Amino acid sequence: MINWMRLRYLYLAFSLLIIIPGVVSLARYGLKLSIDFTGGSVLTLSDSTIIRQKDISQQQADEMVGKLKEKNKDLKLVSFETLGPALGQETIKKTIYAVLLASLLILIHITRAFKQLKFGVCALLAMLHDSLVLLGIFSLLGHFAGIEVDLLFVTATLTVLSFSVHDTIVVYDRIRELQKRHSNESIRQLANQAVSETMIRSLNNSLTIIFMLLALFLLGGVSTRFFALALLIGTISGSYSSPFTAVPLLVIWDDLRHRRQ
């Protein structure tokens, strides 16, 4: 059996190496927000094309369509809508509240299911790891590549968090089963066995999702490309954090408890 937890501090150091640049970027530059959050104008054309611009007038919209008509004479402006920033701010607030409420419920549920607080806390820390990786990378992409985050990014973030917890619970559940059969063994030994037994299953599951998202990112439309990228980053991060962040944190928690006794 592989002694995975022998390198538990190295796994966490690698996580910090990935997270810190993104956190610095978030603190310095933030996220590049789309008009879903900042407000702006949405133009819908007769060929189903949707154009998003920040703060343009009806006259500017007509001029823009006029230039496009030079290439397509049948093109018409179907609708012109203006989105206020108040709606975007409300969306941000509701998203934050939803994440906080979901985190609290996840903490309560995992703590009750596994009958120990450390399982719930470590699962939440792994979820925080995945969210910081995703937000940090998109902050860097926004600053250096001009990539904006929209409502689809919010959807992708919430999906990533649910995937992260699901993958972590698979490993934790295996540890719980092993505890019932080998009650005299330490958490470190049980964690090594649990990771070894669930690794192939988790990799197969993650690779299936990664291949699908990679195809969607490369071959999909412009409107879903960065949605697929967010899910792809989150899936890769979640596949790593479950065995190499959530489980090492659990072992370290147990080590610290024994040192105090």
C-alpha atoms as a PDB file:
ATOM      1  CA  MET A   1       0.000   0.000   0.000  1.00  0.00           C
ATOM      2  CA  ILE A   2       1.308   3.456  -0.938  1.00  0.00           C
ATOM      3  CA  ASN A   3       2.071   5.779   1.963  1.00  0.00           C
ATOM      4  CA  TRP A   4       0.278   8.799   0.486  1.00  0.00           C
ATOM      5  CA  MET A   5       0.170  10.768   3.716  1.00  0.00           C
ATOM      6  CA  ARG A   6       3.947  10.732   4.114  1.00  0.00           C
ATOM      7  CA  LEU A   7       3.997  13.757   1.788  1.00  0.00           C
ATOM      8  CA  ARG A   8       0.936  15.480   3.268  1.00  0.00           C
ATOM      9  CA  TYR A   9       2.752  18.763   3.947  1.00  0.00           C
ATOM     10  CA  LEU A  10       4.145  18.762   0.411  1.00  0.00           C
ATOM     11  CA  TYR A  11       0.618  18.426  -1.025  1.00  0.00           C
ATOM     12  CA  LEU A  12      -0.525  21.434   0.988  1.00  0.00           C
ATOM     13  CA  ALA A  13       2.577  23.422  -0.013  1.00  0.00           C
ATOM     14  CA  PHE A  14       1.783  22.732  -3.679  1.00  0.00           C
ATOM     15  CA  SER A  15      -1.788  23.931  -3.101  1.00  0.00           C
ATOM     16  CA  LEU A  16      -0.502  27.169  -1.587  1.00  0.00           C
ATOM     17  CA  LEU A  17       1.857  27.613  -4.539  1.00  0.00           C
ATOM     18  CA  ILE A  18      -1.151  27.520  -6.874  1.00  0.00           C
ATOM     19  CA  ILE A  19      -3.469  29.596  -4.670  1.00  0.00           C
ATOM     20  CA  ILE A  20      -1.200  32.480  -3.574  1.00  0.00           C
ATOM     21  CA  PRO A  21      -0.686  34.122  -7.027  1.00  0.00           C
ATOM     22  CA  GLY A  22      -4.437  34.025  -7.606  1.00  0.00           C
ATOM     23  CA  VAL A  23      -5.224  35.471  -4.171  1.00  0.00           C
ATOM     24  CA  VAL A  24      -2.713  38.287  -4.764  1.00  0.00           C
ATOM     25  CA  SER A  25      -4.337  38.964  -8.150  1.00  0.00           C
ATOM     26  CA  LEU A  26      -7.801  38.954  -6.557  1.00  0.00           C
ATOM     27  CA  ALA A  27      -6.684  41.426  -3.902  1.00  0.00           C
ATOM     28  CA  ARG A  28      -4.968  43.702  -6.407  1.00  0.00           C
ATOM     29  CA  TYR A  29      -7.088  43.448  -9.564  1.00  0.00           C
ATOM     30  CA  GLY A  30     -10.278  41.642  -8.539  1.00  0.00           C
ATOM     31  CA  LEU A  31     -12.397  39.983 -11.225  1.00  0.00           C
ATOM     32  CA  LYS A  32     -13.148  41.584 -14.582  1.00  0.00           C
ATOM     33  CA  LEU A  33     -16.937  41.776 -14.404  1.00  0.00           C
ATOM     34  CA  SER A  34     -19.224  41.596 -17.425  1.00  0.00           C
ATOM     35  CA  ILE A  35     -22.302  43.761 -17.932  1.00  0.00           C
ATOM     36  CA  ASP A  36     -24.287  41.131 -16.008  1.00  0.00           C
ATOM     37  CA  PHE A  37     -22.790  42.784 -12.916  1.00  0.00           C
ATOM     38  CA  THR A  38     -21.745  46.279 -14.019  1.00  0.00           C
ATOM     39  CA  GLY A  39     -24.719  47.148 -16.209  1.00  0.00           C
ATOM     40  CA  GLY A  40     -24.718  47.893 -19.935  1.00  0.00           C
ATOM     41  CA  SER A  41     -26.574  47.296 -23.174  1.00  0.00           C
ATOM     42  CA  VAL A  42     -27.673  44.097 -24.902  1.00  0.00           C
ATOM     43  CA  LEU A  43     -28.400  44.108 -28.636  1.00  0.00           C
ATOM     44  CA  THR A  44     -30.283  41.227 -30.225  1.00  0.00           C
ATOM     45  CA  LEU A  45     -30.002  40.986 -34.026  1.00  0.00           C
ATOM     46  CA  SER A  46     -32.259  39.272 -36.540  1.00  0.00           C
ATOM     47  CA  ASP A  47     -29.754  36.465 -37.100  1.00  0.00           C
ATOM     48  CA  SER A  48     -29.951  35.614 -33.329  1.00  0.00           C
ATOM     49  CA  THR A  49     -26.599  37.270 -32.626  1.00  0.00           C
ATOM     50  CA  ILE A  50     -26.407  38.872 -29.175  1.00  0.00           C
ATOM     51  CA  ILE A  51     -24.003  41.778 -28.657  1.00  0.00           C
ATOM     52  CA  ARG A  52     -23.110  43.010 -25.165  1.00  0.00           C
ATOM     53  CA  GLN A  53     -21.698  46.492 -24.749  1.00  0.00           C
ATOM     54  CA  LYS A  54     -21.152  48.804 -21.806  1.00  0.00           C
ATOM     55  CA  ASP A  55     -23.239  51.979 -21.706  1.00  0.00           C
ATOM     56  CA  ILE A  56     -24.172  52.779 -25.304  1.00  0.00           C
ATOM     57  CA  SER A  57     -27.157  54.811 -26.495  1.00  0.00           C
ATOM     58  CA  GLN A  58     -29.849  53.822 -28.977  1.00  0.00           C
ATOM     59  CA  GLN A  59     -28.134  55.969 -31.598  1.00  0.00           C
ATOM     60  CA  GLN A  60     -24.791  54.221 -31.056  1.00  0.00           C
ATOM     61  CA  ALA A  61     -26.560  50.862 -31.305  1.00  0.00           C
ATOM     62  CA  ASP A  62     -28.125  51.876 -34.641  1.00  0.00           C
ATOM     63  CA  GLU A  63     -24.723  52.996 -35.926  1.00  0.00           C
ATOM     64  CA  MET A  64     -23.204  49.677 -34.892  1.00  0.00           C
ATOM     65  CA  VAL A  65     -25.930  47.727 -36.702  1.00  0.00           C
ATOM     66  CA  GLY A  66     -25.469  49.989 -39.734  1.00  0.00           C
ATOM     67  CA  LYS A  67     -21.814  49.012 -39.976  1.00  0.00           C
ATOM     68  CA  LEU A  68     -22.727  45.333 -39.652  1.00  0.00           C
ATOM     69  CA  LYS A  69     -25.281  45.736 -42.469  1.00  0.00           C
ATOM     70  CA  GLU A  70     -22.415  46.430 -44.863  1.00  0.00           C
ATOM     71  CA  LYS A  71     -21.611  42.727 -44.625  1.00  0.00           C
ATOM     72  CA  ASN A  72     -25.200  41.482 -44.267  1.00  0.00           C
ATOM     73  CA  LYS A  73     -27.909  43.707 -45.776  1.00  0.00           C
ATOM     74  CA  ASP A  74     -30.756  41.676 -44.238  1.00  0.00           C
ATOM     75  CA  LEU A  75     -29.509  42.253 -40.712  1.00  0.00           C
ATOM     76  CA  LYS A  76     -31.887  44.117 -38.379  1.00  0.00           C
ATOM     77  CA  LEU A  77     -31.879  45.198 -34.760  1.00  0.00           C
ATOM     78  CA  VAL A  78     -34.590  43.151 -33.035  1.00  0.00           C
ATOM     79  CA  SER A  79     -34.238  44.530 -29.509  1.00  0.00           C
ATOM     80  CA  PHE A  80     -32.129  46.952 -27.499  1.00  0.00           C
ATOM     81  CA  GLU A  81     -32.084  46.557 -23.718  1.00  0.00           C
ATOM     82  CA  THR A  82     -30.242  48.425 -20.986  1.00  0.00           C
ATOM     83  CA  LEU A  83     -29.242  46.593 -17.803  1.00  0.00           C
ATOM     84  CA  GLY A  84     -28.675  48.647 -14.660  1.00  0.00           C
ATOM     85  CA  PRO A  85     -25.770  47.919 -12.261  1.00  0.00           C
ATOM     86  CA  ALA A  86     -28.252  47.521  -9.387  1.00  0.00           C
ATOM     87  CA  LEU A  87     -29.335  44.143 -10.772  1.00  0.00           C
ATOM     88  CA  GLY A  88     -25.701  43.027 -10.909  1.00  0.00           C
ATOM     89  CA  GLN A  89     -25.034  44.065  -7.321  1.00  0.00           C
ATOM     90  CA  GLU A  90     -28.142  42.209  -6.188  1.00  0.00           C
ATOM     91  CA  THR A  91     -26.956  39.100  -8.050  1.00  0.00           C
ATOM     92  CA  ILE A  92     -23.566  39.271  -6.321  1.00  0.00           C
ATOM     93  CA  LYS A  93     -25.219  39.586  -2.897  1.00  0.00           C
ATOM     94  CA  LYS A  94     -27.538  36.650  -3.521  1.00  0.00           C
ATOM     95  CA  THR A  95     -24.632  34.528  -4.775  1.00  0.00           C
ATOM     96  CA  ILE A  96     -22.590  35.258  -1.638  1.00  0.00           C
ATOM     97  CA  TYR A  97     -25.565  34.471   0.604  1.00  0.00           C
ATOM     98  CA  ALA A  98     -26.213  31.235  -1.301  1.00  0.00           C
ATOM     99  CA  VAL A  99     -22.573  30.103  -0.932  1.00  0.00           C
ATOM    100  CA  LEU A 100     -22.507  30.929   2.793  1.00  0.00           C
ATOM    101  CA  LEU A 101     -25.797  29.151   3.442  1.00  0.00           C
ATOM    102  CA  ALA A 102     -24.714  26.114   1.399  1.00  0.00           C
ATOM    103  CA  SER A 103     -21.372  26.007   3.257  1.00  0.00           C
ATOM    104  CA  LEU A 104     -23.110  26.060   6.629  1.00  0.00           C
ATOM    105  CA  LEU A 105     -25.511  23.285   5.614  1.00  0.00           C
ATOM    106  CA  ILE A 106     -22.641  21.204   4.204  1.00  0.00           C
ATOM    107  CA  LEU A 107     -20.676  21.635   7.455  1.00  0.00           C
ATOM    108  CA  ILE A 108     -23.666  20.554   9.543  1.00  0.00           C
ATOM    109  CA  HIS A 109     -24.518  17.613   7.280  1.00  0.00           C
ATOM    110  CA  ILE A 110     -20.985  16.186   7.026  1.00  0.00           C
ATOM    111  CA  THR A 111     -20.375  16.662  10.768  1.00  0.00           C
ATOM    112  CA  ARG A 112     -23.600  14.782  11.564  1.00  0.00           C
ATOM    113  CA  ALA A 113     -22.971  12.073   8.961  1.00  0.00           C
ATOM    114  CA  PHE A 114     -19.420  11.339  10.133  1.00  0.00           C
ATOM    115  CA  LYS A 115     -20.077  12.253  13.797  1.00  0.00           C
ATOM    116  CA  GLN A 116     -16.899  14.365  13.997  1.00  0.00           C
ATOM    117  CA  LEU A 117     -16.421  18.084  13.385  1.00  0.00           C
ATOM    118  CA  LYS A 118     -13.042  17.607  11.723  1.00  0.00           C
ATOM    119  CA  PHE A 119     -14.594  15.885   8.696  1.00  0.00           C
ATOM    120  CA  GLY A 120     -16.913  18.838   8.066  1.00  0.00           C
ATOM    121  CA  VAL A 121     -14.252  21.503   8.581  1.00  0.00           C
ATOM    122  CA  CYS A 122     -11.656  19.771   6.371  1.00  0.00           C
ATOM    123  CA  ALA A 123     -14.227  19.239   3.605  1.00  0.00           C
ATOM    124  CA  LEU A 124     -15.067  22.961   3.717  1.00  0.00           C
ATOM    125  CA  LEU A 125     -11.370  23.886   3.575  1.00  0.00           C
ATOM    126  CA  ALA A 126     -10.976  21.705   0.471  1.00  0.00           C
ATOM    127  CA  MET A 127     -13.998  23.456  -1.043  1.00  0.00           C
ATOM    128  CA  LEU A 128     -12.406  26.823  -0.216  1.00  0.00           C
ATOM    129  CA  HIS A 129      -9.224  25.606  -1.917  1.00  0.00           C
ATOM    130  CA  ASP A 130     -11.117  24.885  -5.146  1.00  0.00           C
ATOM    131  CA  SER A 131     -12.982  28.180  -5.105  1.00  0.00           C
ATOM    132  CA  LEU A 132      -9.763  30.171  -4.562  1.00  0.00           C
ATOM    133  CA  VAL A 133      -8.027  28.309  -7.392  1.00  0.00           C
ATOM    134  CA  LEU A 134     -10.899  29.061  -9.772  1.00  0.00           C
ATOM    135  CA  LEU A 135     -11.367  32.699  -8.727  1.00  0.00           C
ATOM    136  CA  GLY A 136      -7.627  33.335  -8.725  1.00  0.00           C
ATOM    137  CA  ILE A 137      -7.070  31.938 -12.214  1.00  0.00           C
ATOM    138  CA  PHE A 138      -9.975  33.970 -13.628  1.00  0.00           C
ATOM    139  CA  SER A 139      -8.660  37.074 -11.887  1.00  0.00           C
ATOM    140  CA  LEU A 140      -5.320  36.551 -13.655  1.00  0.00           C
ATOM    141  CA  LEU A 141      -7.076  35.823 -16.965  1.00  0.00           C
ATOM    142  CA  GLY A 142      -9.193  38.935 -16.542  1.00  0.00           C
ATOM    143  CA  HIS A 143      -6.183  41.155 -15.926  1.00  0.00           C
ATOM    144  CA  PHE A 144      -3.859  39.743 -18.566  1.00  0.00           C
ATOM    145  CA  ALA A 145      -6.296  38.420 -21.205  1.00  0.00           C
ATOM    146  CA  GLY A 146      -9.376  40.582 -20.639  1.00  0.00           C
ATOM    147  CA  ILE A 147     -11.650  37.615 -19.880  1.00  0.00           C
ATOM    148  CA  GLU A 148     -14.827  38.687 -18.104  1.00  0.00           C
ATOM    149  CA  VAL A 149     -16.908  36.740 -15.619  1.00  0.00           C
ATOM    150  CA  ASP A 150     -20.673  36.600 -16.117  1.00  0.00           C
ATOM    151  CA  LEU A 151     -23.665  34.768 -14.665  1.00  0.00           C
ATOM    152  CA  LEU A 152     -22.510  31.527 -16.300  1.00  0.00           C
ATOM    153  CA  PHE A 153     -19.303  31.829 -14.273  1.00  0.00           C
ATOM    154  CA  VAL A 154     -21.391  31.988 -11.088  1.00  0.00           C
ATOM    155  CA  THR A 155     -23.182  28.813 -12.196  1.00  0.00           C
ATOM    156  CA  ALA A 156     -19.842  27.138 -12.918  1.00  0.00           C
ATOM    157  CA  THR A 157     -18.456  28.143  -9.502  1.00  0.00           C
ATOM    158  CA  LEU A 158     -21.410  26.678  -7.615  1.00  0.00           C
ATOM    159  CA  THR A 159     -21.172  23.488  -9.701  1.00  0.00           C
ATOM    160  CA  VAL A 160     -17.457  23.187  -8.931  1.00  0.00           C
ATOM    161  CA  LEU A 161     -18.104  23.520  -5.192  1.00  0.00           C
ATOM    162  CA  SER A 162     -20.694  20.744  -5.276  1.00  0.00           C
ATOM    163  CA  PHE A 163     -18.312  18.501  -7.244  1.00  0.00           C
ATOM    164  CA  SER A 164     -15.533  19.202  -4.742  1.00  0.00           C
ATOM    165  CA  VAL A 165     -17.636  18.139  -1.764  1.00  0.00           C
ATOM    166  CA  HIS A 166     -18.981  15.068  -3.567  1.00  0.00           C
ATOM    167  CA  ASP A 167     -15.492  13.801  -4.391  1.00  0.00           C
ATOM    168  CA  THR A 168     -14.282  14.453  -0.835  1.00  0.00           C
ATOM    169  CA  ILE A 169     -17.193  12.553   0.699  1.00  0.00           C
ATOM    170  CA  VAL A 170     -16.310   9.493  -1.408  1.00  0.00           C
ATOM    171  CA  VAL A 171     -12.879   9.313   0.264  1.00  0.00           C
ATOM    172  CA  TYR A 172     -14.213  10.201   3.715  1.00  0.00           C
ATOM    173  CA  ASP A 173     -16.892   7.544   3.472  1.00  0.00           C
ATOM    174  CA  ARG A 174     -14.212   4.967   2.718  1.00  0.00           C
ATOM    175  CA  ILE A 175     -12.252   6.113   5.787  1.00  0.00           C
ATOM    176  CA  ARG A 176     -15.386   5.707   7.910  1.00  0.00           C
ATOM    177  CA  GLU A 177     -15.948   2.174   6.623  1.00  0.00           C
ATOM    178  CA  LEU A 178     -12.339   1.260   7.378  1.00  0.00           C
ATOM    179  CA  GLN A 179     -12.629   2.747  10.881  1.00  0.00           C
ATOM    180  CA  LYS A 180     -15.451   0.341  11.680  1.00  0.00           C
ATOM    181  CA  ARG A 181     -13.356  -2.655  10.609  1.00  0.00           C
ATOM    182  CA  HIS A 182      -9.961  -1.479  11.880  1.00  0.00           C
ATOM    183  CA  SER A 183     -10.733   0.651  14.930  1.00  0.00           C
ATOM    184  CA  ASN A 184      -7.213   0.246  16.337  1.00  0.00           C
ATOM    185  CA  GLU A 185      -5.463   1.786  13.321  1.00  0.00           C
ATOM    186  CA  SER A 186      -4.599   5.478  13.131  1.00  0.00           C
ATOM    187  CA  ILE A 187      -6.317   7.964  10.820  1.00  0.00           C
ATOM    188  CA  ARG A 188      -3.069   8.191   8.864  1.00  0.00           C
ATOM    189  CA  GLN A 189      -3.072   4.460   8.082  1.00  0.00           C
ATOM    190  CA  LEU A 190      -6.767   4.470   7.237  1.00  0.00           C
ATOM    191  CA  ALA A 191      -6.321   7.540   5.021  1.00  0.00           C
ATOM    192  CA  ASN A 192      -3.548   5.835   3.060  1.00  0.00           C
ATOM    193  CA  GLN A 193      -5.734   2.801   2.449  1.00  0.00           C
ATOM    194  CA  ALA A 194      -8.818   4.890   1.603  1.00  0.00           C
ATOM    195  CA  VAL A 195      -6.939   7.018  -0.941  1.00  0.00           C
ATOM    196  CA  SER A 196      -5.406   3.905  -2.523  1.00  0.00           C
ATOM    197  CA  GLU A 197      -8.801   2.210  -2.839  1.00  0.00           C
ATOM    198  CA  THR A 198     -10.657   5.234  -4.245  1.00  0.00           C
ATOM    199  CA  MET A 199      -7.923   6.727  -6.444  1.00  0.00           C
ATOM    200  CA  ILE A 200      -8.663   4.741  -9.623  1.00  0.00           C
ATOM    201  CA  ARG A 201     -12.406   5.307  -9.320  1.00  0.00           C
ATOM    202  CA  SER A 202     -11.957   9.043  -8.755  1.00  0.00           C
ATOM    203  CA  LEU A 203      -9.495   9.381 -11.636  1.00  0.00           C
ATOM    204  CA  ASN A 204     -11.777   7.545 -14.062  1.00  0.00           C
ATOM    205  CA  ASN A 205     -14.723   9.704 -13.035  1.00  0.00           C
ATOM    206  CA  SER A 206     -12.733  12.945 -13.267  1.00  0.00           C
ATOM    207  CA  LEU A 207     -11.087  12.115 -16.601  1.00  0.00           C
ATOM    208  CA  THR A 208     -14.482  11.399 -18.155  1.00  0.00           C
ATOM    209  CA  ILE A 209     -15.679  14.861 -17.130  1.00  0.00           C
ATOM    210  CA  ILE A 210     -12.388  16.538 -18.098  1.00  0.00           C
ATOM    211  CA  PHE A 211     -12.416  15.081 -21.625  1.00  0.00           C
ATOM    212  CA  MET A 212     -16.004  16.226 -22.156  1.00  0.00           C
ATOM    213  CA  LEU A 213     -15.292  19.747 -20.895  1.00  0.00           C
ATOM    214  CA  LEU A 214     -12.094  19.957 -22.931  1.00  0.00           C
ATOM    215  CA  ALA A 215     -14.047  19.121 -26.085  1.00  0.00           C
ATOM    216  CA  LEU A 216     -16.698  21.711 -25.171  1.00  0.00           C
ATOM    217  CA  PHE A 217     -14.013  24.338 -24.582  1.00  0.00           C
ATOM    218  CA  LEU A 218     -12.197  23.648 -27.852  1.00  0.00           C
ATOM    219  CA  LEU A 219     -15.184  23.000 -30.109  1.00  0.00           C
ATOM    220  CA  GLY A 220     -18.090  24.757 -28.385  1.00  0.00           C
ATOM    221  CA  GLY A 221     -19.468  28.212 -29.096  1.00  0.00           C
ATOM    222  CA  VAL A 222     -18.043  31.469 -27.820  1.00  0.00           C
ATOM    223  CA  SER A 223     -20.860  31.923 -25.299  1.00  0.00           C
ATOM    224  CA  THR A 224     -20.051  28.651 -23.488  1.00  0.00           C
ATOM    225  CA  ARG A 225     -16.276  28.547 -23.943  1.00  0.00           C
ATOM    226  CA  PHE A 226     -15.299  30.220 -20.682  1.00  0.00           C
ATOM    227  CA  PHE A 227     -18.118  28.471 -18.831  1.00  0.00           C
ATOM    228  CA  ALA A 228     -16.509  25.194 -19.923  1.00  0.00           C
ATOM    229  CA  LEU A 229     -13.073  26.533 -18.950  1.00  0.00           C
ATOM    230  CA  ALA A 230     -14.291  27.390 -15.440  1.00  0.00           C
ATOM    231  CA  LEU A 231     -15.761  23.909 -15.024  1.00  0.00           C
ATOM    232  CA  LEU A 232     -12.562  22.369 -16.400  1.00  0.00           C
ATOM    233  CA  ILE A 233     -10.343  24.249 -13.940  1.00  0.00           C
ATOM    234  CA  GLY A 234     -12.696  23.422 -11.072  1.00  0.00           C
ATOM    235  CA  THR A 235     -12.861  19.735 -11.968  1.00  0.00           C
ATOM    236  CA  ILE A 236      -9.070  19.414 -12.117  1.00  0.00           C
ATOM    237  CA  SER A 237      -8.712  21.304  -8.836  1.00  0.00           C
ATOM    238  CA  GLY A 238     -11.430  19.206  -7.174  1.00  0.00           C
ATOM    239  CA  SER A 239      -9.842  15.970  -8.369  1.00  0.00           C
ATOM    240  CA  TYR A 240      -6.616  17.047  -6.665  1.00  0.00           C
ATOM    241  CA  SER A 241      -8.063  18.584  -3.502  1.00  0.00           C
ATOM    242  CA  SER A 242     -10.151  15.589  -2.420  1.00  0.00           C
ATOM    243  CA  PRO A 243      -7.269  13.130  -1.875  1.00  0.00           C
ATOM    244  CA  PHE A 244      -4.437  15.658  -1.500  1.00  0.00           C
ATOM    245  CA  THR A 245      -6.010  18.516   0.467  1.00  0.00           C
ATOM    246  CA  ALA A 246      -9.085  17.265   2.337  1.00  0.00           C
ATOM    247  CA  VAL A 247      -7.486  13.995   3.490  1.00  0.00           C
ATOM    248  CA  PRO A 248      -4.065  15.447   4.484  1.00  0.00           C
ATOM    249  CA  LEU A 249      -5.871  18.159   6.485  1.00  0.00           C
ATOM    250  CA  LEU A 250      -7.780  15.422   8.275  1.00  0.00           C
ATOM    251  CA  VAL A 251      -4.542  13.594   9.123  1.00  0.00           C
ATOM    252  CA  ILE A 252      -2.836  16.814  10.278  1.00  0.00           C
ATOM    253  CA  TRP A 253      -5.861  17.629  12.468  1.00  0.00           C
ATOM    254  CA  ASP A 254      -5.525  14.193  14.079  1.00  0.00           C
ATOM    255  CA  ASP A 255      -1.754  14.637  14.518  1.00  0.00           C
ATOM    256  CA  LEU A 256      -2.260  17.975  16.303  1.00  0.00           C
ATOM    257  CA  ARG A 257      -4.917  16.482  18.571  1.00  0.00           C
ATOM    258  CA  HIS A 258      -2.590  13.669  19.642  1.00  0.00           C
ATOM    259  CA  ARG A 259       0.278  16.089  20.315  1.00  0.00           C
ATOM    260  CA  ARG A 260      -1.897  18.075  22.719  1.00  0.00           C
ATOM    261  CA  GLN A 261      -2.819  14.957  24.690  1.00  0.00           C
END
